[in-house]
Amino acid sequence: TLLGLLAAVVNLAGMWSALALLSVRPALTLPWQA
């Protein structure tokens, strides 16, 4: 679970930084309940 959560956080950080290069500020959140 911890390794999966770490992979999800790294993936979201990469998506957030890629979208930041496009000047888009999305609200990326983890699906905590799922």
PDB file of all heavy atoms in Angstrom:
ATOM      1  N   THR A   1       0.831  -1.204   0.000  1.00  0.00           N
ATOM      2  CA  THR A   1       0.000   0.000   0.000  1.00  0.00           C
ATOM      3  C   THR A   1       0.864   1.253   0.000  1.00  0.00           C
ATOM      4  O   THR A   1       0.603   2.205  -0.750  1.00  0.00           O
ATOM      5  CB  THR A   1      -0.947   0.004   1.207  1.00  0.00           C
ATOM      6  OG1 THR A   1      -1.774  -1.159   1.148  1.00  0.00           O
ATOM      7  CG2 THR A   1      -1.814   1.241   1.236  1.00  0.00           C
ATOM      8  N   LEU A   2       1.895   1.265   0.829  1.00  0.00           N
ATOM      9  CA  LEU A   2       2.775   2.435   0.875  1.00  0.00           C
ATOM     10  C   LEU A   2       3.526   2.628  -0.440  1.00  0.00           C
ATOM     11  O   LEU A   2       3.668   3.754  -0.919  1.00  0.00           O
ATOM     12  CB  LEU A   2       3.764   2.304   2.030  1.00  0.00           C
ATOM     13  CG  LEU A   2       3.159   2.474   3.421  1.00  0.00           C
ATOM     14  CD1 LEU A   2       4.218   2.233   4.496  1.00  0.00           C
ATOM     15  CD2 LEU A   2       2.552   3.855   3.583  1.00  0.00           C
ATOM     16  N   LEU A   3       3.985   1.529  -1.027  1.00  0.00           N
ATOM     17  CA  LEU A   3       4.669   1.656  -2.316  1.00  0.00           C
ATOM     18  C   LEU A   3       3.712   2.120  -3.413  1.00  0.00           C
ATOM     19  O   LEU A   3       4.081   2.929  -4.269  1.00  0.00           O
ATOM     20  CB  LEU A   3       5.324   0.328  -2.699  1.00  0.00           C
ATOM     21  CG  LEU A   3       6.541  -0.070  -1.880  1.00  0.00           C
ATOM     22  CD1 LEU A   3       6.994  -1.478  -2.248  1.00  0.00           C
ATOM     23  CD2 LEU A   3       7.662   0.925  -2.068  1.00  0.00           C
ATOM     24  N   GLY A   4       2.486   1.621  -3.404  1.00  0.00           N
ATOM     25  CA  GLY A   4       1.488   2.062  -4.375  1.00  0.00           C
ATOM     26  C   GLY A   4       1.139   3.528  -4.200  1.00  0.00           C
ATOM     27  O   GLY A   4       0.969   4.265  -5.179  1.00  0.00           O
ATOM     28  N   LEU A   5       1.023   3.969  -2.945  1.00  0.00           N
ATOM     29  CA  LEU A   5       0.739   5.372  -2.662  1.00  0.00           C
ATOM     30  C   LEU A   5       1.889   6.257  -3.117  1.00  0.00           C
ATOM     31  O   LEU A   5       1.671   7.326  -3.697  1.00  0.00           O
ATOM     32  CB  LEU A   5       0.468   5.556  -1.174  1.00  0.00           C
ATOM     33  CG  LEU A   5       0.059   6.944  -0.718  1.00  0.00           C
ATOM     34  CD1 LEU A   5      -1.245   7.362  -1.387  1.00  0.00           C
ATOM     35  CD2 LEU A   5      -0.097   6.961   0.797  1.00  0.00           C
ATOM     36  N   LEU A   6       3.107   5.806  -2.893  1.00  0.00           N
ATOM     37  CA  LEU A   6       4.271   6.562  -3.343  1.00  0.00           C
ATOM     38  C   LEU A   6       4.296   6.686  -4.864  1.00  0.00           C
ATOM     39  O   LEU A   6       4.559   7.766  -5.406  1.00  0.00           O
ATOM     40  CB  LEU A   6       5.555   5.895  -2.842  1.00  0.00           C
ATOM     41  CG  LEU A   6       6.861   6.549  -3.256  1.00  0.00           C
ATOM     42  CD1 LEU A   6       6.970   7.956  -2.683  1.00  0.00           C
ATOM     43  CD2 LEU A   6       8.037   5.701  -2.823  1.00  0.00           C
ATOM     44  N   ALA A   7       3.979   5.592  -5.550  1.00  0.00           N
ATOM     45  CA  ALA A   7       3.932   5.638  -7.018  1.00  0.00           C
ATOM     46  C   ALA A   7       2.841   6.588  -7.504  1.00  0.00           C
ATOM     47  O   ALA A   7       3.036   7.328  -8.481  1.00  0.00           O
ATOM     48  CB  ALA A   7       3.700   4.239  -7.572  1.00  0.00           C
ATOM     49  N   ALA A   8       1.688   6.587  -6.826  1.00  0.00           N
ATOM     50  CA  ALA A   8       0.605   7.492  -7.213  1.00  0.00           C
ATOM     51  C   ALA A   8       1.000   8.947  -6.994  1.00  0.00           C
ATOM     52  O   ALA A   8       0.705   9.813  -7.830  1.00  0.00           O
ATOM     53  CB  ALA A   8      -0.660   7.163  -6.424  1.00  0.00           C
ATOM     54  N   VAL A   9       1.674   9.232  -5.892  1.00  0.00           N
ATOM     55  CA  VAL A   9       2.099  10.609  -5.610  1.00  0.00           C
ATOM     56  C   VAL A   9       3.132  11.069  -6.642  1.00  0.00           C
ATOM     57  O   VAL A   9       3.060  12.201  -7.136  1.00  0.00           O
ATOM     58  CB  VAL A   9       2.645  10.717  -4.167  1.00  0.00           C
ATOM     59  CG1 VAL A   9       3.380  12.022  -3.948  1.00  0.00           C
ATOM     60  CG2 VAL A   9       1.521  10.572  -3.169  1.00  0.00           C
ATOM     61  N   VAL A  10       4.080  10.197  -6.988  1.00  0.00           N
ATOM     62  CA  VAL A  10       5.080  10.561  -7.993  1.00  0.00           C
ATOM     63  C   VAL A  10       4.405  10.787  -9.341  1.00  0.00           C
ATOM     64  O   VAL A  10       4.734  11.741 -10.067  1.00  0.00           O
ATOM     65  CB  VAL A  10       6.166   9.466  -8.086  1.00  0.00           C
ATOM     66  CG1 VAL A  10       7.056   9.657  -9.305  1.00  0.00           C
ATOM     67  CG2 VAL A  10       7.005   9.453  -6.819  1.00  0.00           C
ATOM     68  N   ASN A  11       3.444   9.944  -9.683  1.00  0.00           N
ATOM     69  CA  ASN A  11       2.714  10.093 -10.937  1.00  0.00           C
ATOM     70  C   ASN A  11       1.943  11.415 -10.963  1.00  0.00           C
ATOM     71  O   ASN A  11       1.975  12.152 -11.961  1.00  0.00           O
ATOM     72  CB  ASN A  11       1.760   8.921 -11.134  1.00  0.00           C
ATOM     73  CG  ASN A  11       1.090   8.949 -12.478  1.00  0.00           C
ATOM     74  OD1 ASN A  11       1.526   9.622 -13.398  1.00  0.00           O
ATOM     75  ND2 ASN A  11       0.003   8.215 -12.596  1.00  0.00           N
ATOM     76  N   LEU A  12       1.249  11.725  -9.870  1.00  0.00           N
ATOM     77  CA  LEU A  12       0.500  12.986  -9.820  1.00  0.00           C
ATOM     78  C   LEU A  12       1.424  14.198  -9.846  1.00  0.00           C
ATOM     79  O   LEU A  12       1.089  15.224 -10.444  1.00  0.00           O
ATOM     80  CB  LEU A  12      -0.390  13.017  -8.582  1.00  0.00           C
ATOM     81  CG  LEU A  12      -1.639  12.146  -8.651  1.00  0.00           C
ATOM     82  CD1 LEU A  12      -2.388  12.186  -7.333  1.00  0.00           C
ATOM     83  CD2 LEU A  12      -2.542  12.586  -9.787  1.00  0.00           C
ATOM     84  N   ALA A  13       2.582  14.090  -9.194  1.00  0.00           N
ATOM     85  CA  ALA A  13       3.538  15.205  -9.224  1.00  0.00           C
ATOM     86  C   ALA A  13       4.045  15.430 -10.643  1.00  0.00           C
ATOM     87  O   ALA A  13       4.195  16.580 -11.081  1.00  0.00           O
ATOM     88  CB  ALA A  13       4.700  14.922  -8.276  1.00  0.00           C
ATOM     89  N   GLY A  14       4.298  14.350 -11.373  1.00  0.00           N
ATOM     90  CA  GLY A  14       4.721  14.490 -12.766  1.00  0.00           C
ATOM     91  C   GLY A  14       3.641  15.109 -13.630  1.00  0.00           C
ATOM     92  O   GLY A  14       3.919  15.961 -14.484  1.00  0.00           O
ATOM     93  N   MET A  15       2.387  14.682 -13.420  1.00  0.00           N
ATOM     94  CA  MET A  15       1.277  15.260 -14.185  1.00  0.00           C
ATOM     95  C   MET A  15       1.095  16.737 -13.836  1.00  0.00           C
ATOM     96  O   MET A  15       0.854  17.562 -14.715  1.00  0.00           O
ATOM     97  CB  MET A  15      -0.007  14.488 -13.913  1.00  0.00           C
ATOM     98  CG  MET A  15      -0.008  13.100 -14.518  1.00  0.00           C
ATOM     99  SD  MET A  15      -1.548  12.226 -14.231  1.00  0.00           S
ATOM    100  CE  MET A  15      -2.653  13.179 -15.254  1.00  0.00           C
ATOM    101  N   TRP A  16       1.213  17.070 -12.562  1.00  0.00           N
ATOM    102  CA  TRP A  16       1.051  18.458 -12.131  1.00  0.00           C
ATOM    103  C   TRP A  16       2.139  19.336 -12.747  1.00  0.00           C
ATOM    104  O   TRP A  16       1.858  20.428 -13.240  1.00  0.00           O
ATOM    105  CB  TRP A  16       1.100  18.544 -10.610  1.00  0.00           C
ATOM    106  CG  TRP A  16       0.829  19.913 -10.095  1.00  0.00           C
ATOM    107  CD1 TRP A  16      -0.386  20.495  -9.927  1.00  0.00           C
ATOM    108  CD2 TRP A  16       1.804  20.879  -9.704  1.00  0.00           C
ATOM    109  NE1 TRP A  16      -0.231  21.768  -9.446  1.00  0.00           N
ATOM    110  CE2 TRP A  16       1.108  22.024  -9.298  1.00  0.00           C
ATOM    111  CE3 TRP A  16       3.187  20.881  -9.657  1.00  0.00           C
ATOM    112  CZ2 TRP A  16       1.755  23.167  -8.850  1.00  0.00           C
ATOM    113  CZ3 TRP A  16       3.836  22.016  -9.217  1.00  0.00           C
ATOM    114  CH2 TRP A  16       3.106  23.150  -8.827  1.00  0.00           C
ATOM    115  N   SER A  17       3.382  18.831 -12.763  1.00  0.00           N
ATOM    116  CA  SER A  17       4.466  19.648 -13.335  1.00  0.00           C
ATOM    117  C   SER A  17       4.335  19.753 -14.857  1.00  0.00           C
ATOM    118  O   SER A  17       4.634  20.802 -15.437  1.00  0.00           O
ATOM    119  CB  SER A  17       5.826  19.069 -12.954  1.00  0.00           C
ATOM    120  OG  SER A  17       5.992  17.783 -13.495  1.00  0.00           O
ATOM    121  N   ALA A  18       3.854  18.695 -15.516  1.00  0.00           N
ATOM    122  CA  ALA A  18       3.652  18.764 -16.965  1.00  0.00           C
ATOM    123  C   ALA A  18       2.541  19.742 -17.309  1.00  0.00           C
ATOM    124  O   ALA A  18       2.653  20.518 -18.272  1.00  0.00           O
ATOM    125  CB  ALA A  18       3.324  17.381 -17.514  1.00  0.00           C
ATOM    126  N   LEU A  19       1.472  19.736 -16.529  1.00  0.00           N
ATOM    127  CA  LEU A  19       0.386  20.682 -16.776  1.00  0.00           C
ATOM    128  C   LEU A  19       0.790  22.104 -16.414  1.00  0.00           C
ATOM    129  O   LEU A  19       0.304  23.075 -17.018  1.00  0.00           O
ATOM    130  CB  LEU A  19      -0.866  20.269 -16.013  1.00  0.00           C
ATOM    131  CG  LEU A  19      -1.552  19.006 -16.540  1.00  0.00           C
ATOM    132  CD1 LEU A  19      -2.662  18.569 -15.599  1.00  0.00           C
ATOM    133  CD2 LEU A  19      -2.077  19.228 -17.937  1.00  0.00           C
ATOM    134  N   ALA A  20       1.701  22.242 -15.445  1.00  0.00           N
ATOM    135  CA  ALA A  20       2.190  23.577 -15.090  1.00  0.00           C
ATOM    136  C   ALA A  20       2.986  24.187 -16.240  1.00  0.00           C
ATOM    137  O   ALA A  20       2.975  25.400 -16.432  1.00  0.00           O
ATOM    138  CB  ALA A  20       3.033  23.511 -13.826  1.00  0.00           C
ATOM    139  N   LEU A  21       3.682  23.346 -17.010  1.00  0.00           N
ATOM    140  CA  LEU A  21       4.407  23.840 -18.181  1.00  0.00           C
ATOM    141  C   LEU A  21       3.448  24.392 -19.234  1.00  0.00           C
ATOM    142  O   LEU A  21       3.822  25.258 -20.029  1.00  0.00           O
ATOM    143  CB  LEU A  21       5.258  22.729 -18.797  1.00  0.00           C
ATOM    144  CG  LEU A  21       6.460  22.258 -17.972  1.00  0.00           C
ATOM    145  CD1 LEU A  21       7.129  21.060 -18.632  1.00  0.00           C
ATOM    146  CD2 LEU A  21       7.449  23.402 -17.803  1.00  0.00           C
ATOM    147  N   LEU A  22       2.223  23.888 -19.224  1.00  0.00           N
ATOM    148  CA  LEU A  22       1.200  24.377 -20.155  1.00  0.00           C
ATOM    149  C   LEU A  22       0.378  25.517 -19.553  1.00  0.00           C
ATOM    150  O   LEU A  22      -0.623  25.932 -20.124  1.00  0.00           O
ATOM    151  CB  LEU A  22       0.268  23.231 -20.553  1.00  0.00           C
ATOM    152  CG  LEU A  22       0.917  22.055 -21.277  1.00  0.00           C
ATOM    153  CD1 LEU A  22      -0.083  20.925 -21.427  1.00  0.00           C
ATOM    154  CD2 LEU A  22       1.425  22.518 -22.636  1.00  0.00           C
ATOM    155  N   SER A  23       0.795  25.997 -18.408  1.00  0.00           N
ATOM    156  CA  SER A  23       0.106  27.080 -17.681  1.00  0.00           C
ATOM    157  C   SER A  23      -1.304  26.664 -17.252  1.00  0.00           C
ATOM    158  O   SER A  23      -2.227  27.479 -17.236  1.00  0.00           O
ATOM    159  CB  SER A  23       0.066  28.366 -18.508  1.00  0.00           C
ATOM    160  OG  SER A  23       1.378  28.797 -18.803  1.00  0.00           O
ATOM    161  N   VAL A  24      -1.477  25.418 -16.932  1.00  0.00           N
ATOM    162  CA  VAL A  24      -2.760  24.919 -16.429  1.00  0.00           C
ATOM    163  C   VAL A  24      -2.561  24.541 -14.966  1.00  0.00           C
ATOM    164  O   VAL A  24      -1.612  23.856 -14.615  1.00  0.00           O
ATOM    165  CB  VAL A  24      -3.224  23.677 -17.241  1.00  0.00           C
ATOM    166  CG1 VAL A  24      -4.505  23.119 -16.682  1.00  0.00           C
ATOM    167  CG2 VAL A  24      -3.356  24.033 -18.700  1.00  0.00           C
ATOM    168  N   ARG A  25      -3.447  25.011 -14.107  1.00  0.00           N
ATOM    169  CA  ARG A  25      -3.367  24.720 -12.677  1.00  0.00           C
ATOM    170  C   ARG A  25      -4.555  23.857 -12.251  1.00  0.00           C
ATOM    171  O   ARG A  25      -5.526  24.352 -11.692  1.00  0.00           O
ATOM    172  CB  ARG A  25      -3.354  26.003 -11.852  1.00  0.00           C
ATOM    173  CG  ARG A  25      -2.158  26.861 -12.077  1.00  0.00           C
ATOM    174  CD  ARG A  25      -0.983  26.286 -11.337  1.00  0.00           C
ATOM    175  NE  ARG A  25       0.172  27.149 -11.530  1.00  0.00           N
ATOM    176  CZ  ARG A  25       1.400  26.734 -11.413  1.00  0.00           C
ATOM    177  NH1 ARG A  25       1.633  25.501 -11.089  1.00  0.00           N
ATOM    178  NH2 ARG A  25       2.396  27.545 -11.608  1.00  0.00           N
ATOM    179  N   PRO A  26      -4.491  22.568 -12.519  1.00  0.00           N
ATOM    180  CA  PRO A  26      -5.620  21.718 -12.112  1.00  0.00           C
ATOM    181  C   PRO A  26      -5.525  21.348 -10.634  1.00  0.00           C
ATOM    182  O   PRO A  26      -4.460  21.429 -10.018  1.00  0.00           O
ATOM    183  CB  PRO A  26      -5.445  20.473 -12.972  1.00  0.00           C
ATOM    184  CG  PRO A  26      -3.970  20.373 -13.142  1.00  0.00           C
ATOM    185  CD  PRO A  26      -3.480  21.802 -13.221  1.00  0.00           C
ATOM    186  N   ALA A  27      -6.631  20.941 -10.091  1.00  0.00           N
ATOM    187  CA  ALA A  27      -6.671  20.463  -8.710  1.00  0.00           C
ATOM    188  C   ALA A  27      -6.564  18.940  -8.751  1.00  0.00           C
ATOM    189  O   ALA A  27      -7.554  18.245  -8.933  1.00  0.00           O
ATOM    190  CB  ALA A  27      -7.959  20.901  -8.029  1.00  0.00           C
ATOM    191  N   LEU A  28      -5.346  18.441  -8.653  1.00  0.00           N
ATOM    192  CA  LEU A  28      -5.132  16.997  -8.670  1.00  0.00           C
ATOM    193  C   LEU A  28      -5.237  16.463  -7.245  1.00  0.00           C
ATOM    194  O   LEU A  28      -4.567  16.949  -6.337  1.00  0.00           O
ATOM    195  CB  LEU A  28      -3.751  16.667  -9.246  1.00  0.00           C
ATOM    196  CG  LEU A  28      -3.523  17.068 -10.696  1.00  0.00           C
ATOM    197  CD1 LEU A  28      -2.085  16.781 -11.094  1.00  0.00           C
ATOM    198  CD2 LEU A  28      -4.474  16.331 -11.606  1.00  0.00           C
ATOM    199  N   THR A  29      -6.081  15.482  -7.062  1.00  0.00           N
ATOM    200  CA  THR A  29      -6.255  14.880  -5.738  1.00  0.00           C
ATOM    201  C   THR A  29      -6.209  13.363  -5.859  1.00  0.00           C
ATOM    202  O   THR A  29      -6.486  12.791  -6.914  1.00  0.00           O
ATOM    203  CB  THR A  29      -7.606  15.279  -5.115  1.00  0.00           C
ATOM    204  OG1 THR A  29      -8.651  14.846  -5.979  1.00  0.00           O
ATOM    205  CG2 THR A  29      -7.704  16.776  -4.922  1.00  0.00           C
ATOM    206  N   LEU A  30      -5.860  12.738  -4.767  1.00  0.00           N
ATOM    207  CA  LEU A  30      -5.869  11.280  -4.713  1.00  0.00           C
ATOM    208  C   LEU A  30      -7.258  10.791  -4.309  1.00  0.00           C
ATOM    209  O   LEU A  30      -7.903  11.407  -3.458  1.00  0.00           O
ATOM    210  CB  LEU A  30      -4.846  10.777  -3.696  1.00  0.00           C
ATOM    211  CG  LEU A  30      -3.388  10.873  -4.107  1.00  0.00           C
ATOM    212  CD1 LEU A  30      -2.493  10.511  -2.936  1.00  0.00           C
ATOM    213  CD2 LEU A  30      -3.106   9.949  -5.263  1.00  0.00           C
ATOM    214  N   PRO A  31      -7.714   9.700  -4.871  1.00  0.00           N
ATOM    215  CA  PRO A  31      -9.013   9.134  -4.473  1.00  0.00           C
ATOM    216  C   PRO A  31      -8.856   8.349  -3.168  1.00  0.00           C
ATOM    217  O   PRO A  31      -8.720   7.128  -3.157  1.00  0.00           O
ATOM    218  CB  PRO A  31      -9.363   8.226  -5.654  1.00  0.00           C
ATOM    219  CG  PRO A  31      -8.044   7.840  -6.236  1.00  0.00           C
ATOM    220  CD  PRO A  31      -7.142   9.005  -6.015  1.00  0.00           C
ATOM    221  N   TRP A  32      -8.871   9.061  -2.047  1.00  0.00           N
ATOM    222  CA  TRP A  32      -8.573   8.453  -0.748  1.00  0.00           C
ATOM    223  C   TRP A  32      -9.542   7.332  -0.386  1.00  0.00           C
ATOM    224  O   TRP A  32      -9.137   6.313   0.172  1.00  0.00           O
ATOM    225  CB  TRP A  32      -8.548   9.516   0.342  1.00  0.00           C
ATOM    226  CG  TRP A  32      -7.391  10.440   0.193  1.00  0.00           C
ATOM    227  CD1 TRP A  32      -7.429  11.740  -0.200  1.00  0.00           C
ATOM    228  CD2 TRP A  32      -6.019  10.127   0.405  1.00  0.00           C
ATOM    229  NE1 TRP A  32      -6.163  12.266  -0.246  1.00  0.00           N
ATOM    230  CE2 TRP A  32      -5.273  11.294   0.129  1.00  0.00           C
ATOM    231  CE3 TRP A  32      -5.331   8.981   0.803  1.00  0.00           C
ATOM    232  CZ2 TRP A  32      -3.897  11.334   0.244  1.00  0.00           C
ATOM    233  CZ3 TRP A  32      -3.956   9.021   0.916  1.00  0.00           C
ATOM    234  CH2 TRP A  32      -3.253  10.197   0.637  1.00  0.00           C
ATOM    235  N   GLN A  33     -10.819   7.518  -0.669  1.00  0.00           N
ATOM    236  CA  GLN A  33     -11.792   6.495  -0.303  1.00  0.00           C
ATOM    237  C   GLN A  33     -11.548   5.202  -1.085  1.00  0.00           C
ATOM    238  O   GLN A  33     -11.577   4.111  -0.528  1.00  0.00           O
ATOM    239  CB  GLN A  33     -13.211   6.981  -0.541  1.00  0.00           C
ATOM    240  CG  GLN A  33     -14.248   5.983  -0.040  1.00  0.00           C
ATOM    241  CD  GLN A  33     -15.645   6.532  -0.125  1.00  0.00           C
ATOM    242  OE1 GLN A  33     -15.870   7.635  -0.605  1.00  0.00           O
ATOM    243  NE2 GLN A  33     -16.605   5.760   0.346  1.00  0.00           N
ATOM    244  N   ALA A  34     -11.269   5.319  -2.369  1.00  0.00           N
ATOM    245  CA  ALA A  34     -10.986   4.135  -3.182  1.00  0.00           C
ATOM    246  C   ALA A  34      -9.693   3.461  -2.729  1.00  0.00           C
ATOM    247  O   ALA A  34      -9.618   2.223  -2.666  1.00  0.00           O
ATOM    248  CB  ALA A  34     -10.899   4.515  -4.654  1.00  0.00           C
TER     249      ALA A  34
END
